[in-house]
Protein backbone atom coordinates (compact mmCIF):
# COMPACT_ATOMS: atom_id res chain seq x y z
CA UNK A 1 0.00 0.00 0.00
CA UNK A 2 1.29 3.46 -0.89
CA UNK A 3 1.34 6.07 1.88
CA UNK A 4 1.94 9.80 1.68
CA UNK A 5 3.96 10.93 4.68
CA UNK A 6 6.68 13.18 6.04
CA UNK A 7 10.34 12.11 5.89
CA UNK A 8 12.65 14.05 8.16
CA UNK A 9 15.70 15.83 6.76
CA UNK A 10 17.79 18.76 7.98
CA UNK A 11 20.16 19.07 10.88
CA UNK A 12 19.98 18.44 14.59
CA UNK A 13 17.10 20.44 16.10
CA UNK A 14 16.48 22.02 12.67
CA UNK A 15 14.00 19.64 11.02
CA UNK A 16 12.85 20.04 7.45
CA UNK A 17 10.44 17.46 6.10
CA UNK A 18 10.10 16.04 2.61
CA UNK A 19 6.62 14.96 1.62
CA UNK A 20 6.99 11.58 -0.02
CA UNK A 21 4.99 8.77 -1.56
CA UNK A 22 6.36 5.53 -0.15
CA UNK A 23 5.54 1.90 0.51
CA UNK A 24 3.90 1.66 3.93
CA UNK A 25 6.50 -0.94 5.02
CA UNK A 26 9.48 1.38 4.40
CA UNK A 27 11.07 3.18 7.37
CA UNK A 28 10.30 6.87 7.95
CA UNK A 29 13.50 8.17 6.36
CA UNK A 30 14.07 5.19 4.08
CA UNK A 31 13.47 4.50 0.42
CA UNK A 32 10.58 6.32 -1.21
CA UNK A 33 8.86 6.28 -4.61
CA UNK A 34 8.64 10.03 -5.20
CA UNK A 35 9.17 13.30 -3.33
CA UNK A 36 6.19 15.55 -3.94
CA UNK A 37 6.78 18.48 -1.61
CA UNK A 38 8.50 20.02 1.37
CA UNK A 39 7.49 21.34 4.78
CA UNK A 40 9.66 23.67 6.85
CA UNK A 41 8.19 24.39 10.31
CA UNK A 42 11.21 26.49 11.39
CA UNK A 43 10.41 29.61 9.40
CA UNK A 44 7.84 32.24 10.22
CA UNK A 45 5.44 31.70 8.53
CA UNK A 46 5.81 27.95 8.09
CA UNK A 47 6.56 26.97 4.48
CA UNK A 48 4.55 24.18 2.84
CA UNK A 49 5.01 23.42 -0.87
CA UNK A 50 3.52 20.68 -3.02
CA UNK A 51 3.63 19.56 -6.62
CA UNK A 52 -0.15 19.83 -6.90
CA UNK A 53 -0.54 17.57 -9.95
CA UNK A 54 1.55 14.80 -8.33
CA UNK A 55 -0.36 15.10 -5.05
CA UNK A 56 -3.65 14.73 -6.92
CA UNK A 57 -2.22 11.81 -8.90
CA UNK A 58 -1.20 9.85 -5.80
CA UNK A 59 -4.46 10.56 -4.00
CA UNK A 60 -6.32 9.42 -7.14
CA UNK A 61 -4.31 6.20 -7.13
CA UNK A 62 -5.52 5.45 -3.60
CA UNK A 63 -2.48 6.55 -1.59
CA UNK A 64 -3.37 7.24 2.04
CA UNK A 65 -1.89 10.35 3.68
CA UNK A 66 -0.66 10.09 7.26
CA UNK A 67 -2.76 11.85 9.89
CA UNK A 68 -0.36 14.79 10.16
CA UNK A 69 0.03 15.17 6.41
CA UNK A 70 -3.74 14.98 5.94
CA UNK A 71 -4.13 18.01 8.24
CA UNK A 72 -1.38 19.88 6.39
CA UNK A 73 -3.01 19.16 3.01
CA UNK A 74 -6.38 20.50 4.22
CA UNK A 75 -4.73 23.65 5.54
CA UNK A 76 -2.74 24.10 2.30
CA UNK A 77 -5.82 23.68 0.10
CA UNK A 78 -7.83 26.22 2.14
CA UNK A 79 -5.09 28.85 1.77
CA UNK A 80 -4.71 28.46 -2.00
CA UNK A 81 -6.40 31.14 -4.07
CA UNK A 82 -9.13 29.83 -6.33
CA UNK A 83 -8.84 30.94 -9.96
CA UNK A 84 -12.08 31.08 -11.92
PDB file of N, CA and C in Angstrom:
ATOM      1  N   UNK A   1       0.842  -1.174   0.000  1.00  0.00           N
ATOM      2  CA  UNK A   1       0.000   0.000   0.000  1.00  0.00           C
ATOM      3  C   UNK A   1       0.893   1.246   0.000  1.00  0.00           C
ATOM      4  N   UNK A   2       0.522   2.217  -0.788  1.00  0.00           N
ATOM      5  CA  UNK A   2       1.290   3.457  -0.887  1.00  0.00           C
ATOM      6  C   UNK A   2       0.757   4.450   0.142  1.00  0.00           C
ATOM      7  N   UNK A   3       1.676   5.058   0.881  1.00  0.00           N
ATOM      8  CA  UNK A   3       1.343   6.070   1.878  1.00  0.00           C
ATOM      9  C   UNK A   3       1.999   7.385   1.484  1.00  0.00           C
ATOM     10  N   UNK A   4       1.353   8.477   1.801  1.00  0.00           N
ATOM     11  CA  UNK A   4       1.942   9.804   1.682  1.00  0.00           C
ATOM     12  C   UNK A   4       2.294  10.226   3.100  1.00  0.00           C
ATOM     13  N   UNK A   5       3.560  10.569   3.333  1.00  0.00           N
ATOM     14  CA  UNK A   5       3.964  10.930   4.681  1.00  0.00           C
ATOM     15  C   UNK A   5       5.178  11.841   4.683  1.00  0.00           C
ATOM     16  N   UNK A   6       5.539  12.303   5.871  1.00  0.00           N
ATOM     17  CA  UNK A   6       6.679  13.185   6.043  1.00  0.00           C
ATOM     18  C   UNK A   6       7.929  12.356   6.293  1.00  0.00           C
ATOM     19  N   UNK A   7       9.036  12.718   5.647  1.00  0.00           N
ATOM     20  CA  UNK A   7      10.338  12.110   5.890  1.00  0.00           C
ATOM     21  C   UNK A   7      11.252  13.221   6.399  1.00  0.00           C
ATOM     22  N   UNK A   8      11.839  13.006   7.547  1.00  0.00           N
ATOM     23  CA  UNK A   8      12.649  14.053   8.164  1.00  0.00           C
ATOM     24  C   UNK A   8      13.988  14.225   7.467  1.00  0.00           C
ATOM     25  N   UNK A   9      14.381  15.469   7.291  1.00  0.00           N
ATOM     26  CA  UNK A   9      15.697  15.832   6.758  1.00  0.00           C
ATOM     27  C   UNK A   9      16.166  17.024   7.585  1.00  0.00           C
ATOM     28  N   UNK A  10      17.291  17.606   7.248  1.00  0.00           N
ATOM     29  CA  UNK A  10      17.786  18.758   7.982  1.00  0.00           C
ATOM     30  C   UNK A  10      18.702  18.345   9.110  1.00  0.00           C
ATOM     31  N   UNK A  11      19.184  19.315   9.837  1.00  0.00           N
ATOM     32  CA  UNK A  11      20.159  19.070  10.884  1.00  0.00           C
ATOM     33  C   UNK A  11      19.538  18.819  12.241  1.00  0.00           C
ATOM     34  N   UNK A  12      20.405  18.673  13.219  1.00  0.00           N
ATOM     35  CA  UNK A  12      19.979  18.440  14.586  1.00  0.00           C
ATOM     36  C   UNK A  12      19.204  19.654  15.091  1.00  0.00           C
ATOM     37  N   UNK A  13      18.014  19.415  15.589  1.00  0.00           N
ATOM     38  CA  UNK A  13      17.103  20.441  16.101  1.00  0.00           C
ATOM     39  C   UNK A  13      16.690  21.464  15.046  1.00  0.00           C
ATOM     40  N   UNK A  14      16.898  21.166  13.780  1.00  0.00           N
ATOM     41  CA  UNK A  14      16.477  22.021  12.668  1.00  0.00           C
ATOM     42  C   UNK A  14      15.768  21.162  11.624  1.00  0.00           C
ATOM     43  N   UNK A  15      14.629  20.560  11.956  1.00  0.00           N
ATOM     44  CA  UNK A  15      13.999  19.644  11.020  1.00  0.00           C
ATOM     45  C   UNK A  15      13.404  20.342   9.806  1.00  0.00           C
ATOM     46  N   UNK A  16      13.544  19.693   8.679  1.00  0.00           N
ATOM     47  CA  UNK A  16      12.854  20.043   7.448  1.00  0.00           C
ATOM     48  C   UNK A  16      12.303  18.714   6.958  1.00  0.00           C
ATOM     49  N   UNK A  17      11.077  18.714   6.481  1.00  0.00           N
ATOM     50  CA  UNK A  17      10.441  17.460   6.097  1.00  0.00           C
ATOM     51  C   UNK A  17      10.179  17.429   4.600  1.00  0.00           C
ATOM     52  N   UNK A  18      10.495  16.287   3.984  1.00  0.00           N
ATOM     53  CA  UNK A  18      10.096  16.039   2.609  1.00  0.00           C
ATOM     54  C   UNK A  18       8.758  15.326   2.648  1.00  0.00           C
ATOM     55  N   UNK A  19       7.893  15.657   1.738  1.00  0.00           N
ATOM     56  CA  UNK A  19       6.616  14.958   1.625  1.00  0.00           C
ATOM     57  C   UNK A  19       6.794  13.925   0.530  1.00  0.00           C
ATOM     58  N   UNK A  20       6.647  12.657   0.891  1.00  0.00           N
ATOM     59  CA  UNK A  20       6.989  11.576  -0.023  1.00  0.00           C
ATOM     60  C   UNK A  20       5.854  10.581  -0.174  1.00  0.00           C
ATOM     61  N   UNK A  21       5.841   9.934  -1.332  1.00  0.00           N
ATOM     62  CA  UNK A  21       4.990   8.772  -1.565  1.00  0.00           C
ATOM     63  C   UNK A  21       5.889   7.569  -1.372  1.00  0.00           C
ATOM     64  N   UNK A  22       5.504   6.660  -0.499  1.00  0.00           N
ATOM     65  CA  UNK A  22       6.358   5.533  -0.152  1.00  0.00           C
ATOM     66  C   UNK A  22       5.526   4.296   0.140  1.00  0.00           C
ATOM     67  N   UNK A  23       6.173   3.139   0.099  1.00  0.00           N
ATOM     68  CA  UNK A  23       5.538   1.900   0.514  1.00  0.00           C
ATOM     69  C   UNK A  23       5.341   1.972   2.017  1.00  0.00           C
ATOM     70  N   UNK A  24       4.206   1.529   2.510  1.00  0.00           N
ATOM     71  CA  UNK A  24       3.901   1.658   3.935  1.00  0.00           C
ATOM     72  C   UNK A  24       4.861   0.851   4.804  1.00  0.00           C
ATOM     73  N   UNK A  25       5.567  -0.125   4.246  1.00  0.00           N
ATOM     74  CA  UNK A  25       6.500  -0.937   5.020  1.00  0.00           C
ATOM     75  C   UNK A  25       7.891  -0.321   5.127  1.00  0.00           C
ATOM     76  N   UNK A  26       8.168   0.733   4.362  1.00  0.00           N
ATOM     77  CA  UNK A  26       9.477   1.383   4.395  1.00  0.00           C
ATOM     78  C   UNK A  26       9.626   2.199   5.671  1.00  0.00           C
ATOM     79  N   UNK A  27      10.871   2.342   6.188  1.00  0.00           N
ATOM     80  CA  UNK A  27      11.069   3.180   7.371  1.00  0.00           C
ATOM     81  C   UNK A  27      10.821   4.649   7.063  1.00  0.00           C
ATOM     82  N   UNK A  28      10.661   5.442   8.101  1.00  0.00           N
ATOM     83  CA  UNK A  28      10.304   6.865   7.949  1.00  0.00           C
ATOM     84  C   UNK A  28      11.234   7.606   7.003  1.00  0.00           C
ATOM     85  N   UNK A  29      12.536   7.448   7.185  1.00  0.00           N
ATOM     86  CA  UNK A  29      13.503   8.168   6.360  1.00  0.00           C
ATOM     87  C   UNK A  29      14.125   7.269   5.301  1.00  0.00           C
ATOM     88  N   UNK A  30      13.508   6.148   5.022  1.00  0.00           N
ATOM     89  CA  UNK A  30      14.068   5.187   4.080  1.00  0.00           C
ATOM     90  C   UNK A  30      13.695   5.467   2.640  1.00  0.00           C
ATOM     91  N   UNK A  31      13.736   4.407   1.851  1.00  0.00           N
ATOM     92  CA  UNK A  31      13.468   4.499   0.421  1.00  0.00           C
ATOM     93  C   UNK A  31      12.047   4.989   0.171  1.00  0.00           C
ATOM     94  N   UNK A  32      11.896   5.819  -0.855  1.00  0.00           N
ATOM     95  CA  UNK A  32      10.578   6.321  -1.214  1.00  0.00           C
ATOM     96  C   UNK A  32      10.416   6.276  -2.728  1.00  0.00           C
ATOM     97  N   UNK A  33       9.174   6.341  -3.179  1.00  0.00           N
ATOM     98  CA  UNK A  33       8.856   6.282  -4.606  1.00  0.00           C
ATOM     99  C   UNK A  33       9.087   7.643  -5.249  1.00  0.00           C
ATOM    100  N   UNK A  34       8.551   8.693  -4.618  1.00  0.00           N
ATOM    101  CA  UNK A  34       8.639  10.032  -5.198  1.00  0.00           C
ATOM    102  C   UNK A  34       8.497  11.093  -4.113  1.00  0.00           C
ATOM    103  N   UNK A  35       9.311  12.130  -4.210  1.00  0.00           N
ATOM    104  CA  UNK A  35       9.174  13.295  -3.330  1.00  0.00           C
ATOM    105  C   UNK A  35       8.236  14.278  -4.013  1.00  0.00           C
ATOM    106  N   UNK A  36       7.178  14.675  -3.307  1.00  0.00           N
ATOM    107  CA  UNK A  36       6.185  15.548  -3.936  1.00  0.00           C
ATOM    108  C   UNK A  36       6.054  16.902  -3.263  1.00  0.00           C
ATOM    109  N   UNK A  37       6.868  17.172  -2.247  1.00  0.00           N
ATOM    110  CA  UNK A  37       6.779  18.476  -1.611  1.00  0.00           C
ATOM    111  C   UNK A  37       7.749  18.604  -0.463  1.00  0.00           C
ATOM    112  N   UNK A  38       7.625  19.732   0.247  1.00  0.00           N
ATOM    113  CA  UNK A  38       8.504  20.017   1.372  1.00  0.00           C
ATOM    114  C   UNK A  38       7.748  20.832   2.409  1.00  0.00           C
ATOM    115  N   UNK A  39       8.091  20.608   3.677  1.00  0.00           N
ATOM    116  CA  UNK A  39       7.487  21.339   4.783  1.00  0.00           C
ATOM    117  C   UNK A  39       8.595  21.803   5.710  1.00  0.00           C
ATOM    118  N   UNK A  40       8.660  23.114   5.960  1.00  0.00           N
ATOM    119  CA  UNK A  40       9.657  23.672   6.852  1.00  0.00           C
ATOM    120  C   UNK A  40       8.942  24.395   7.994  1.00  0.00           C
ATOM    121  N   UNK A  41       8.884  23.760   9.182  1.00  0.00           N
ATOM    122  CA  UNK A  41       8.191  24.385  10.312  1.00  0.00           C
ATOM    123  C   UNK A  41       9.038  25.414  11.050  1.00  0.00           C
ATOM    124  N   UNK A  42      10.303  25.609  10.666  1.00  0.00           N
ATOM    125  CA  UNK A  42      11.209  26.494  11.393  1.00  0.00           C
ATOM    126  C   UNK A  42      11.113  27.947  10.980  1.00  0.00           C
ATOM    127  N   UNK A  43      10.507  28.237   9.863  1.00  0.00           N
ATOM    128  CA  UNK A  43      10.411  29.611   9.398  1.00  0.00           C
ATOM    129  C   UNK A  43       9.119  30.248   9.897  1.00  0.00           C
ATOM    130  N   UNK A  44       9.078  31.543   9.856  1.00  0.00           N
ATOM    131  CA  UNK A  44       7.845  32.240  10.216  1.00  0.00           C
ATOM    132  C   UNK A  44       7.440  33.093   9.023  1.00  0.00           C
ATOM    133  N   UNK A  45       6.379  32.792   8.330  1.00  0.00           N
ATOM    134  CA  UNK A  45       5.439  31.697   8.533  1.00  0.00           C
ATOM    135  C   UNK A  45       6.001  30.362   8.037  1.00  0.00           C
ATOM    136  N   UNK A  46       5.376  29.286   8.492  1.00  0.00           N
ATOM    137  CA  UNK A  46       5.811  27.947   8.092  1.00  0.00           C
ATOM    138  C   UNK A  46       5.613  27.774   6.592  1.00  0.00           C
ATOM    139  N   UNK A  47       6.590  27.121   5.938  1.00  0.00           N
ATOM    140  CA  UNK A  47       6.555  26.971   4.482  1.00  0.00           C
ATOM    141  C   UNK A  47       6.109  25.554   4.133  1.00  0.00           C
ATOM    142  N   UNK A  48       5.075  25.459   3.307  1.00  0.00           N
ATOM    143  CA  UNK A  48       4.551  24.182   2.837  1.00  0.00           C
ATOM    144  C   UNK A  48       4.388  24.274   1.330  1.00  0.00           C
ATOM    145  N   UNK A  49       5.102  23.420   0.590  1.00  0.00           N
ATOM    146  CA  UNK A  49       5.008  23.421  -0.867  1.00  0.00           C
ATOM    147  C   UNK A  49       4.701  22.018  -1.353  1.00  0.00           C
ATOM    148  N   UNK A  50       3.887  21.942  -2.395  1.00  0.00           N
ATOM    149  CA  UNK A  50       3.517  20.677  -3.024  1.00  0.00           C
ATOM    150  C   UNK A  50       3.651  20.794  -4.527  1.00  0.00           C
ATOM    151  N   UNK A  51       3.865  19.666  -5.185  1.00  0.00           N
ATOM    152  CA  UNK A  51       3.634  19.556  -6.617  1.00  0.00           C
ATOM    153  C   UNK A  51       2.170  19.122  -6.716  1.00  0.00           C
ATOM    154  N   UNK A  52       1.289  20.083  -6.964  1.00  0.00           N
ATOM    155  CA  UNK A  52      -0.152  19.830  -6.905  1.00  0.00           C
ATOM    156  C   UNK A  52      -0.597  18.672  -7.791  1.00  0.00           C
ATOM    157  N   UNK A  53      -0.092  18.632  -9.036  1.00  0.00           N
ATOM    158  CA  UNK A  53      -0.535  17.575  -9.949  1.00  0.00           C
ATOM    159  C   UNK A  53      -0.098  16.195  -9.464  1.00  0.00           C
ATOM    160  N   UNK A  54       1.080  16.095  -8.830  1.00  0.00           N
ATOM    161  CA  UNK A  54       1.549  14.798  -8.328  1.00  0.00           C
ATOM    162  C   UNK A  54       0.789  14.403  -7.059  1.00  0.00           C
ATOM    163  N   UNK A  55       0.451  15.380  -6.228  1.00  0.00           N
ATOM    164  CA  UNK A  55      -0.355  15.097  -5.049  1.00  0.00           C
ATOM    165  C   UNK A  55      -1.711  14.548  -5.473  1.00  0.00           C
ATOM    166  N   UNK A  56      -2.355  15.205  -6.428  1.00  0.00           N
ATOM    167  CA  UNK A  56      -3.646  14.732  -6.923  1.00  0.00           C
ATOM    168  C   UNK A  56      -3.528  13.355  -7.559  1.00  0.00           C
ATOM    169  N   UNK A  57      -2.431  13.110  -8.277  1.00  0.00           N
ATOM    170  CA  UNK A  57      -2.216  11.806  -8.903  1.00  0.00           C
ATOM    171  C   UNK A  57      -2.171  10.707  -7.847  1.00  0.00           C
ATOM    172  N   UNK A  58      -1.348  10.902  -6.814  1.00  0.00           N
ATOM    173  CA  UNK A  58      -1.198   9.849  -5.802  1.00  0.00           C
ATOM    174  C   UNK A  58      -2.484   9.651  -5.006  1.00  0.00           C
ATOM    175  N   UNK A  59      -3.182  10.721  -4.698  1.00  0.00           N
ATOM    176  CA  UNK A  59      -4.457  10.562  -4.000  1.00  0.00           C
ATOM    177  C   UNK A  59      -5.467   9.840  -4.881  1.00  0.00           C
ATOM    178  N   UNK A  60      -5.445  10.113  -6.185  1.00  0.00           N
ATOM    179  CA  UNK A  60      -6.319   9.424  -7.139  1.00  0.00           C
ATOM    180  C   UNK A  60      -5.989   7.947  -7.284  1.00  0.00           C
ATOM    181  N   UNK A  61      -4.728   7.593  -7.055  1.00  0.00           N
ATOM    182  CA  UNK A  61      -4.307   6.195  -7.129  1.00  0.00           C
ATOM    183  C   UNK A  61      -4.606   5.426  -5.839  1.00  0.00           C
ATOM    184  N   UNK A  62      -5.135   6.121  -4.845  1.00  0.00           N
ATOM    185  CA  UNK A  62      -5.521   5.452  -3.600  1.00  0.00           C
ATOM    186  C   UNK A  62      -4.487   5.538  -2.498  1.00  0.00           C
ATOM    187  N   UNK A  63      -3.484   6.383  -2.648  1.00  0.00           N
ATOM    188  CA  UNK A  63      -2.484   6.550  -1.594  1.00  0.00           C
ATOM    189  C   UNK A  63      -3.137   7.205  -0.378  1.00  0.00           C
ATOM    190  N   UNK A  64      -2.788   6.722   0.804  1.00  0.00           N
ATOM    191  CA  UNK A  64      -3.366   7.236   2.038  1.00  0.00           C
ATOM    192  C   UNK A  64      -2.392   8.191   2.714  1.00  0.00           C
ATOM    193  N   UNK A  65      -2.776   9.440   2.962  1.00  0.00           N
ATOM    194  CA  UNK A  65      -1.893  10.352   3.683  1.00  0.00           C
ATOM    195  C   UNK A  65      -1.870  10.009   5.172  1.00  0.00           C
ATOM    196  N   UNK A  66      -0.736  10.270   5.821  1.00  0.00           N
ATOM    197  CA  UNK A  66      -0.664  10.091   7.265  1.00  0.00           C
ATOM    198  C   UNK A  66      -1.588  11.116   7.919  1.00  0.00           C
ATOM    199  N   UNK A  67      -1.854  10.943   9.194  1.00  0.00           N
ATOM    200  CA  UNK A  67      -2.765  11.851   9.891  1.00  0.00           C
ATOM    201  C   UNK A  67      -2.234  13.286   9.861  1.00  0.00           C
ATOM    202  N   UNK A  68      -0.958  13.459  10.152  1.00  0.00           N
ATOM    203  CA  UNK A  68      -0.359  14.794  10.163  1.00  0.00           C
ATOM    204  C   UNK A  68      -0.370  15.411   8.774  1.00  0.00           C
ATOM    205  N   UNK A  69       0.006  14.637   7.772  1.00  0.00           N
ATOM    206  CA  UNK A  69       0.030  15.165   6.413  1.00  0.00           C
ATOM    207  C   UNK A  69      -1.376  15.489   5.923  1.00  0.00           C
ATOM    208  N   UNK A  70      -2.356  14.694   6.312  1.00  0.00           N
ATOM    209  CA  UNK A  70      -3.740  14.982   5.941  1.00  0.00           C
ATOM    210  C   UNK A  70      -4.181  16.352   6.436  1.00  0.00           C
ATOM    211  N   UNK A  71      -3.800  16.696   7.671  1.00  0.00           N
ATOM    212  CA  UNK A  71      -4.134  18.006   8.235  1.00  0.00           C
ATOM    213  C   UNK A  71      -3.413  19.113   7.477  1.00  0.00           C
ATOM    214  N   UNK A  72      -2.137  18.878   7.128  1.00  0.00           N
ATOM    215  CA  UNK A  72      -1.379  19.881   6.387  1.00  0.00           C
ATOM    216  C   UNK A  72      -1.968  20.111   4.996  1.00  0.00           C
ATOM    217  N   UNK A  73      -2.410  19.037   4.339  1.00  0.00           N
ATOM    218  CA  UNK A  73      -3.009  19.161   3.005  1.00  0.00           C
ATOM    219  C   UNK A  73      -4.282  19.989   3.073  1.00  0.00           C
ATOM    220  N   UNK A  74      -5.135  19.719   4.077  1.00  0.00           N
ATOM    221  CA  UNK A  74      -6.376  20.495   4.219  1.00  0.00           C
ATOM    222  C   UNK A  74      -6.074  21.971   4.437  1.00  0.00           C
ATOM    223  N   UNK A  75      -5.098  22.263   5.282  1.00  0.00           N
ATOM    224  CA  UNK A  75      -4.727  23.653   5.539  1.00  0.00           C
ATOM    225  C   UNK A  75      -4.177  24.307   4.270  1.00  0.00           C
ATOM    226  N   UNK A  76      -3.339  23.592   3.544  1.00  0.00           N
ATOM    227  CA  UNK A  76      -2.743  24.096   2.302  1.00  0.00           C
ATOM    228  C   UNK A  76      -3.820  24.401   1.268  1.00  0.00           C
ATOM    229  N   UNK A  77      -4.765  23.502   1.103  1.00  0.00           N
ATOM    230  CA  UNK A  77      -5.822  23.678   0.095  1.00  0.00           C
ATOM    231  C   UNK A  77      -6.751  24.832   0.451  1.00  0.00           C
ATOM    232  N   UNK A  78      -6.979  25.097   1.750  1.00  0.00           N
ATOM    233  CA  UNK A  78      -7.826  26.223   2.144  1.00  0.00           C
ATOM    234  C   UNK A  78      -7.151  27.554   1.860  1.00  0.00           C
ATOM    235  N   UNK A  79      -5.814  27.587   1.957  1.00  0.00           N
ATOM    236  CA  UNK A  79      -5.086  28.847   1.773  1.00  0.00           C
ATOM    237  C   UNK A  79      -4.821  29.176   0.315  1.00  0.00           C
ATOM    238  N   UNK A  80      -4.987  28.220  -0.593  1.00  0.00           N
ATOM    239  CA  UNK A  80      -4.708  28.455  -2.001  1.00  0.00           C
ATOM    240  C   UNK A  80      -5.790  29.323  -2.625  1.00  0.00           C
ATOM    241  N   UNK A  81      -5.394  30.327  -3.390  1.00  0.00           N
ATOM    242  CA  UNK A  81      -6.402  31.142  -4.074  1.00  0.00           C
ATOM    243  C   UNK A  81      -7.090  30.329  -5.176  1.00  0.00           C
ATOM    244  N   UNK A  82      -8.367  30.537  -5.314  1.00  0.00           N
ATOM    245  CA  UNK A  82      -9.132  29.830  -6.328  1.00  0.00           C
ATOM    246  C   UNK A  82      -9.214  30.699  -7.566  1.00  0.00           C
ATOM    247  N   UNK A  83      -8.757  30.178  -8.702  1.00  0.00           N
ATOM    248  CA  UNK A  83      -8.841  30.943  -9.958  1.00  0.00           C
ATOM    249  C   UNK A  83     -10.060  30.472 -10.733  1.00  0.00           C
ATOM    250  N   UNK A  84     -10.853  31.414 -11.200  1.00  0.00           N
ATOM    251  CA  UNK A  84     -12.076  31.083 -11.922  1.00  0.00           C
ATOM    252  C   UNK A  84     -11.929  31.457 -13.378  1.00  0.00           C
TER     253      UNK A  84
END
